[in-house]
Protein backbone atom coordinates (compact mmCIF):
# COMPACT_ATOMS: atom_id res chain seq x y z
CA UNK A 1 3.66 5.37 -18.53
CA UNK A 2 0.52 5.64 -16.54
CA UNK A 3 1.21 8.22 -13.44
CA UNK A 4 -1.84 7.19 -11.82
CA UNK A 5 -0.84 3.78 -11.52
CA UNK A 6 2.75 4.44 -10.34
CA UNK A 7 1.65 6.72 -7.73
CA UNK A 8 -0.89 3.65 -6.40
CA UNK A 9 1.88 1.25 -6.60
CA UNK A 10 4.31 3.87 -4.74
CA UNK A 11 1.92 3.99 -1.90
CA UNK A 12 1.17 0.43 -1.79
CA UNK A 13 -2.82 0.76 -0.01
CA UNK A 14 -3.46 -1.99 2.14
CA UNK A 15 -6.51 -1.57 4.71
CA UNK A 16 -7.75 -2.25 7.78
CA UNK A 17 -11.76 -2.93 8.03
CA UNK A 18 -13.54 -2.06 11.06
CA UNK A 19 -16.98 -3.30 12.40
CA UNK A 20 -20.06 -2.18 10.77
CA UNK A 21 -22.24 0.63 12.54
CA UNK A 22 -25.98 0.65 12.90
CA UNK A 23 -27.80 3.63 13.57
CA UNK A 24 -31.89 4.72 14.37
CA UNK A 25 -33.44 7.71 15.49
CA UNK A 26 -31.39 10.55 15.74
CA UNK A 27 -27.35 9.86 16.28
CA UNK A 28 -23.60 10.79 15.34
CA UNK A 29 -20.15 9.75 14.91
CA UNK A 30 -17.60 12.38 15.19
CA UNK A 31 -13.92 11.62 13.63
CA UNK A 32 -10.96 13.57 14.65
CA UNK A 33 -8.14 15.34 12.85
CA UNK A 34 -5.81 12.51 11.91
CA UNK A 35 -4.66 12.91 8.26
CA UNK A 36 -6.02 8.96 7.75
CA UNK A 37 -7.96 8.15 4.54
CA UNK A 38 -11.14 6.72 5.47
CA UNK A 39 -13.85 5.25 3.52
CA UNK A 40 -17.22 4.63 4.30
CA UNK A 41 -20.06 2.26 2.28
CA UNK A 42 -23.75 2.54 2.81
CA UNK A 43 -25.32 -0.79 2.89
CA UNK A 44 -28.77 0.68 3.92
CA UNK A 45 -30.83 3.83 4.81
CA UNK A 46 -28.69 7.36 4.46
CA UNK A 47 -27.30 9.93 6.27
CA UNK A 48 -25.14 12.90 6.39
CA UNK A 49 -21.43 13.91 6.34
CA UNK A 50 -20.70 16.94 8.10
CA UNK A 51 -17.42 19.04 7.73
CA UNK A 52 -16.63 22.43 9.37
CA UNK A 53 -17.32 25.61 6.99
CA UNK A 54 -18.56 23.05 4.11
CA UNK A 55 -21.95 21.70 2.99
CA UNK A 56 -23.42 18.79 4.68
CA UNK A 57 -23.14 15.82 2.24
CA UNK A 58 -26.14 13.86 1.48
CA UNK A 59 -25.24 9.73 1.62
CA UNK A 60 -27.82 7.54 0.38
CA UNK A 61 -28.06 3.94 -0.16
CA UNK A 62 -25.05 2.22 -1.59
CA UNK A 63 -23.20 5.49 -1.60
CA UNK A 64 -19.65 5.74 -1.15
CA UNK A 65 -16.94 8.05 0.32
CA UNK A 66 -13.43 8.48 0.65
CA UNK A 67 -12.30 11.22 3.07
CA UNK A 68 -8.86 12.23 4.02
CA UNK A 69 -9.34 13.32 7.82
CA UNK A 70 -7.18 16.57 7.23
CA UNK A 71 -10.23 18.12 9.06
CA UNK A 72 -12.74 16.63 11.38
CA UNK A 73 -16.01 15.17 10.20
CA UNK A 74 -19.28 13.77 11.42
CA UNK A 75 -21.27 10.73 9.94
CA UNK A 76 -24.83 11.77 11.51
CA UNK A 77 -28.85 11.60 10.93
CA UNK A 78 -29.03 15.26 12.13
CA UNK A 79 -26.09 17.77 12.05
CA UNK A 80 -27.80 19.21 15.66
CA UNK A 81 -27.06 16.06 17.12
CA UNK A 82 -24.59 15.68 20.06
CA UNK A 83 -21.95 12.97 18.37
CA UNK A 84 -20.11 10.00 20.03
CA UNK A 85 -16.66 9.80 19.52
CA UNK A 86 -15.58 7.48 17.13
CA UNK A 87 -12.60 6.28 18.54
CA UNK A 88 -13.96 5.84 21.74
CA UNK A 89 -16.47 3.36 20.27
CA UNK A 90 -14.10 1.88 18.27
CA UNK A 91 -12.29 0.95 21.46
CA UNK A 92 -15.35 -0.23 23.44
CA UNK A 93 -16.69 -2.22 20.20
CA UNK A 94 -13.06 -3.66 19.50
CA UNK A 95 -14.19 -4.86 15.83
CA UNK A 96 -17.97 -5.70 16.97
CA UNK A 97 -21.18 -4.17 15.28
CA UNK A 98 -21.51 -0.60 16.55
CA UNK A 99 -25.25 0.69 17.64
CA UNK A 100 -25.70 4.16 17.76
CA UNK A 101 -29.09 5.76 18.62
CA UNK A 102 -32.38 4.84 20.22
CA UNK A 103 -35.84 3.24 18.35
CA UNK A 104 -36.18 1.92 15.02
CA UNK A 105 -37.12 4.62 12.54
CA UNK A 106 -34.96 5.33 9.87
CA UNK A 107 -32.47 2.59 10.17
CA UNK A 108 -29.14 2.99 8.56
CA UNK A 109 -26.04 0.26 8.40
CA UNK A 110 -22.70 1.75 7.62
CA UNK A 111 -19.41 -0.13 6.78
CA UNK A 112 -16.02 1.52 7.04
CA UNK A 113 -12.35 1.37 7.23
CA UNK A 114 -9.05 3.10 7.30
CA UNK A 115 -6.69 2.73 3.96
CA UNK A 116 -2.90 2.38 4.88
CA UNK A 117 0.02 3.18 3.16
CA UNK A 118 3.74 3.04 3.09
CA UNK A 119 4.92 5.34 5.05
CA UNK A 120 7.49 6.57 2.80
CA UNK A 121 5.46 8.51 0.31
CA UNK A 122 2.01 8.74 2.42
CA UNK A 123 2.88 12.44 2.49
CA UNK A 124 1.79 12.15 -1.43
CA UNK A 125 -2.10 11.90 -0.33
CA UNK A 126 -1.67 15.57 0.80
CA UNK A 127 -2.19 17.39 -2.26
CA UNK A 128 -2.14 14.90 -5.01
CA UNK A 129 -5.56 13.45 -4.02
CA UNK A 130 -8.68 15.23 -3.20
CA UNK A 131 -9.85 15.73 0.38
CA UNK A 132 -13.44 14.00 -0.53
CA UNK A 133 -14.47 11.63 -2.97
CA UNK A 134 -18.24 10.72 -2.99
CA UNK A 135 -19.24 8.06 -5.60
CA UNK A 136 -23.06 8.04 -5.26
CA UNK A 137 -24.84 4.72 -5.98
CA UNK A 138 -25.70 5.40 -9.49
CA UNK A 139 -22.17 6.29 -10.64
CA UNK A 140 -20.89 3.50 -13.44
CA UNK A 141 -18.14 2.52 -10.73
CA UNK A 142 -20.12 2.22 -7.71
CA UNK A 143 -21.21 -1.84 -8.66
CA UNK A 144 -17.33 -2.42 -8.65
CA UNK A 145 -16.39 -1.03 -5.63
CA UNK A 146 -19.32 -2.72 -3.78
CA UNK A 147 -18.40 -6.21 -5.56
CA UNK A 148 -14.49 -5.57 -4.80
CA UNK A 149 -15.05 -4.71 -0.85
CA UNK A 150 -17.68 -7.61 -0.46
CA UNK A 151 -14.94 -9.69 -1.86
CA UNK A 152 -12.39 -8.19 0.68
CA UNK A 153 -14.67 -8.76 3.82
CA UNK A 154 -15.01 -12.21 2.87
CA UNK A 155 -11.34 -13.10 2.27
CA UNK A 156 -10.97 -11.67 5.51
CA UNK A 157 -13.27 -13.56 7.73
CA UNK A 158 -12.48 -16.93 5.63
CA UNK A 159 -8.70 -16.58 4.82
CA UNK A 160 -7.30 -19.13 2.47
CA UNK A 161 -4.07 -19.82 0.53
CA UNK A 162 -2.43 -16.56 -0.26
CA UNK A 163 -5.29 -14.36 1.92
CA UNK A 164 -2.68 -11.37 2.20
CA UNK A 165 -1.70 -11.59 -1.18
CA UNK A 166 -5.36 -11.21 -2.26
CA UNK A 167 -6.67 -8.63 0.43
CA UNK A 168 -4.18 -6.22 -0.44
CA UNK A 169 -4.65 -6.24 -4.31
CA UNK A 170 -8.06 -6.27 -3.46
CA UNK A 171 -7.91 -3.04 -1.58
CA UNK A 172 -5.59 -1.58 -4.41
CA UNK A 173 -7.91 -2.15 -6.96
CA UNK A 174 -10.99 -0.72 -4.51
CA UNK A 175 -8.66 2.36 -4.33
CA UNK A 176 -8.05 2.56 -8.27
CA UNK A 177 -11.76 2.65 -8.66
CA UNK A 178 -12.97 4.60 -6.53
CA UNK A 179 -9.87 7.61 -7.47
CA UNK A 180 -10.05 7.32 -11.26
CA UNK A 181 -14.03 7.26 -10.92
CA UNK A 182 -13.27 10.75 -9.36
CA UNK A 183 -10.29 12.02 -10.99
CA UNK A 184 -10.68 11.33 -14.45
CA UNK A 185 -14.22 12.09 -14.78
CA UNK A 186 -14.49 15.21 -12.62
CA UNK A 187 -10.87 16.04 -12.42
CA UNK A 188 -11.50 20.06 -12.40
CA UNK A 189 -12.81 19.78 -9.04
CA UNK A 190 -9.04 20.73 -7.80
CA UNK A 191 -6.06 20.96 -8.42
CA UNK A 192 -3.69 17.83 -8.38
CA UNK A 193 -2.26 14.51 -10.27
CA UNK A 194 -5.94 13.26 -10.83
CA UNK A 195 -7.02 16.75 -12.39
CA UNK A 196 -3.83 16.71 -14.44
CA UNK A 197 -4.49 13.15 -15.64
CA UNK A 198 -8.02 14.70 -16.63
CA UNK A 199 -6.51 17.74 -18.77
CA UNK A 200 -5.29 16.54 -22.24
CA UNK A 201 -2.12 18.85 -22.28
CA UNK A 202 -0.81 18.18 -18.56
CA UNK A 203 -1.79 14.62 -19.15
CA UNK A 204 0.81 14.52 -22.02
CA UNK A 205 3.36 16.08 -19.49
CA UNK A 206 2.52 14.06 -16.66
CA UNK A 207 3.32 10.98 -18.70
CA UNK A 208 6.38 12.30 -20.12
CA UNK A 209 7.76 12.83 -16.76
CA UNK A 210 7.05 9.46 -15.02
CA UNK A 211 8.06 7.50 -18.19
CA UNK A 212 11.42 9.26 -18.70
CA UNK A 213 12.01 10.18 -15.03
CA UNK A 214 15.65 10.91 -15.11
CA UNK A 215 15.47 12.99 -18.16
CA UNK A 216 16.43 16.30 -18.52
CA UNK A 217 13.64 17.85 -18.31
CA UNK A 218 12.36 21.69 -18.79
CA UNK A 219 9.54 23.90 -18.95
CA UNK A 220 10.07 24.53 -23.06
CA UNK A 221 10.98 20.55 -23.53
CA UNK A 222 7.72 19.73 -21.95
CA UNK A 223 5.74 22.49 -23.95
CA UNK A 224 6.94 20.84 -27.18
CA UNK A 225 6.10 17.51 -26.04
CA UNK A 226 2.79 18.76 -25.34
CA UNK A 227 2.43 20.88 -28.66
CA UNK A 228 1.69 24.12 -26.88
CA UNK A 229 3.37 27.34 -26.36
CA UNK A 230 6.14 27.70 -23.65
CA UNK A 231 3.92 30.21 -22.04
CA UNK A 232 0.62 28.72 -22.01
CA UNK A 233 1.82 25.37 -20.84
CA UNK A 234 4.24 27.19 -18.09
CA UNK A 235 0.43 29.05 -16.88
CA UNK A 236 -1.74 25.93 -17.33
CA UNK A 237 0.59 23.65 -15.20
CA UNK A 238 0.43 25.07 -11.92
CA UNK A 239 -3.38 25.73 -12.57
CA UNK A 240 -4.29 22.45 -13.16
CA UNK A 241 -1.53 20.39 -10.87
CA UNK A 242 -1.37 22.71 -8.22
CA UNK A 243 2.58 23.15 -8.99
CA UNK A 244 4.78 24.13 -11.65
CA UNK A 245 6.01 21.40 -13.81
CA UNK A 246 9.74 21.40 -12.82
CA UNK A 247 8.71 21.40 -8.82
CA UNK A 248 6.17 18.54 -9.57
CA UNK A 249 9.03 16.69 -10.92
CA UNK A 250 11.53 17.35 -8.34
CA UNK A 251 8.43 16.05 -6.11
CA UNK A 252 7.83 13.09 -7.74
CA UNK A 253 12.17 12.33 -8.11
CA UNK A 254 12.04 12.47 -4.43
CA UNK A 255 9.17 10.28 -3.55
CA UNK A 256 11.03 7.27 -5.88
CA UNK A 257 14.69 7.79 -4.18
CA UNK A 258 12.73 7.89 -0.45
CA UNK A 259 11.18 4.55 -1.73
CA UNK A 260 14.37 3.03 -2.97
CA UNK A 261 15.92 4.59 0.28
CA UNK A 262 13.79 2.28 2.30
CA UNK A 263 14.23 -0.72 0.39
CA UNK A 264 17.79 -0.62 0.86
CA UNK A 265 18.65 -2.47 -2.39
CA UNK A 266 20.62 0.64 -4.29
CA UNK A 267 23.55 2.46 -3.05
CA UNK A 268 22.87 6.51 -2.85
CA UNK A 269 24.83 6.87 -6.02
CA UNK A 270 22.67 4.61 -8.31
CA UNK A 271 19.81 5.95 -6.95
CA UNK A 272 20.90 9.60 -7.77
CA UNK A 273 21.64 8.69 -11.45
CA UNK A 274 18.20 6.80 -11.62
CA UNK A 275 16.07 10.00 -10.66
CA UNK A 276 17.99 12.27 -12.89
CA UNK A 277 20.93 13.74 -10.80
CA UNK A 278 24.70 13.64 -12.13
CA UNK A 279 26.14 13.08 -8.97
CA UNK A 280 25.48 11.81 -5.44
CA UNK A 281 26.26 15.38 -4.04
CA UNK A 282 23.84 17.21 -6.30
CA UNK A 283 21.64 14.69 -5.38
CA UNK A 284 21.91 14.71 -1.36
CA UNK A 285 21.63 18.84 -1.71
CA UNK A 286 18.19 18.57 -3.61
CA UNK A 287 17.41 15.44 -1.43
CA UNK A 288 18.09 17.75 1.96
CA UNK A 289 16.18 20.86 0.62
CA UNK A 290 12.83 18.93 -0.27
CA UNK A 291 13.11 16.08 2.31
CA UNK A 292 14.53 17.68 5.41
CA UNK A 293 17.50 15.83 5.92
CA UNK A 294 20.12 13.75 4.09
CA UNK A 295 19.84 10.59 2.05
CA UNK A 296 22.03 8.78 4.34
CA UNK A 297 19.97 10.39 7.71
CA UNK A 298 16.68 9.31 6.24
CA UNK A 299 17.61 5.74 4.96
CA UNK A 300 18.41 4.95 8.32
CA UNK A 301 16.09 6.93 10.19
CA UNK A 302 13.27 4.58 8.29
CA UNK A 303 15.04 1.39 8.78
CA UNK A 304 15.28 1.93 12.39
CA UNK A 305 11.84 2.63 12.52
CA UNK A 306 12.09 6.18 13.57
């Protein structure tokens, strides 16, 4: 069982592609804090990605970034430039190409968009995925991401039979390529699932919990499964993944439960049993503690669109 693939399938990513942006001279484009997951590809030229209290990131031709807008950021030619507001620009251009700056020096062409996820478990991105992924043009997966994005753009402009299915699969592949390139080769940069999959011990534990989510796992049994002492495992797992193994397991169980409640194809008792609870009441108590409301109320709210 691949925990990373489980996450992608549960999130059901899809994307909206915005019109391209052409910059020249001195320019800047500011993005507000909105908890979105945006992506940007630099087709030509270079610019800087600036975030509060962070070192600016230099983006060059064929670089990609995946950034969660949990904090505001700016794409700019120069951090001292007063940026234009991205929302205002999007409203004015309505999908057409945006032009920023004046003159013809240092031309830059950008393509950007937003990933949209199944709302039942969109919150998983908050601390399971990094806030910024930068894939430089020379990185191994860069050409694959570019090819997939170009295929997506052509499919959007010239839709044919199965258009929605094709676009959905392409966007899943783009997200998988971007995240696994960062997470499985540089997973130690931040705690989370990706860091956990980059560590041979925690990866075994994550795979076991995802493979047998209803199993009565304990810290001791997981440590034994991974071939390490309980004390070593209990210290390592939260350090790498960002939360204790049982806390992680419970949260994943609740994520699966939320997804099933949204689908509405199983009873609460069936869901409870499938995610590892011996009774609907025990499941309801745990669900209410983690999610903030009962399973029944949650199901009613997601189906009514509230």
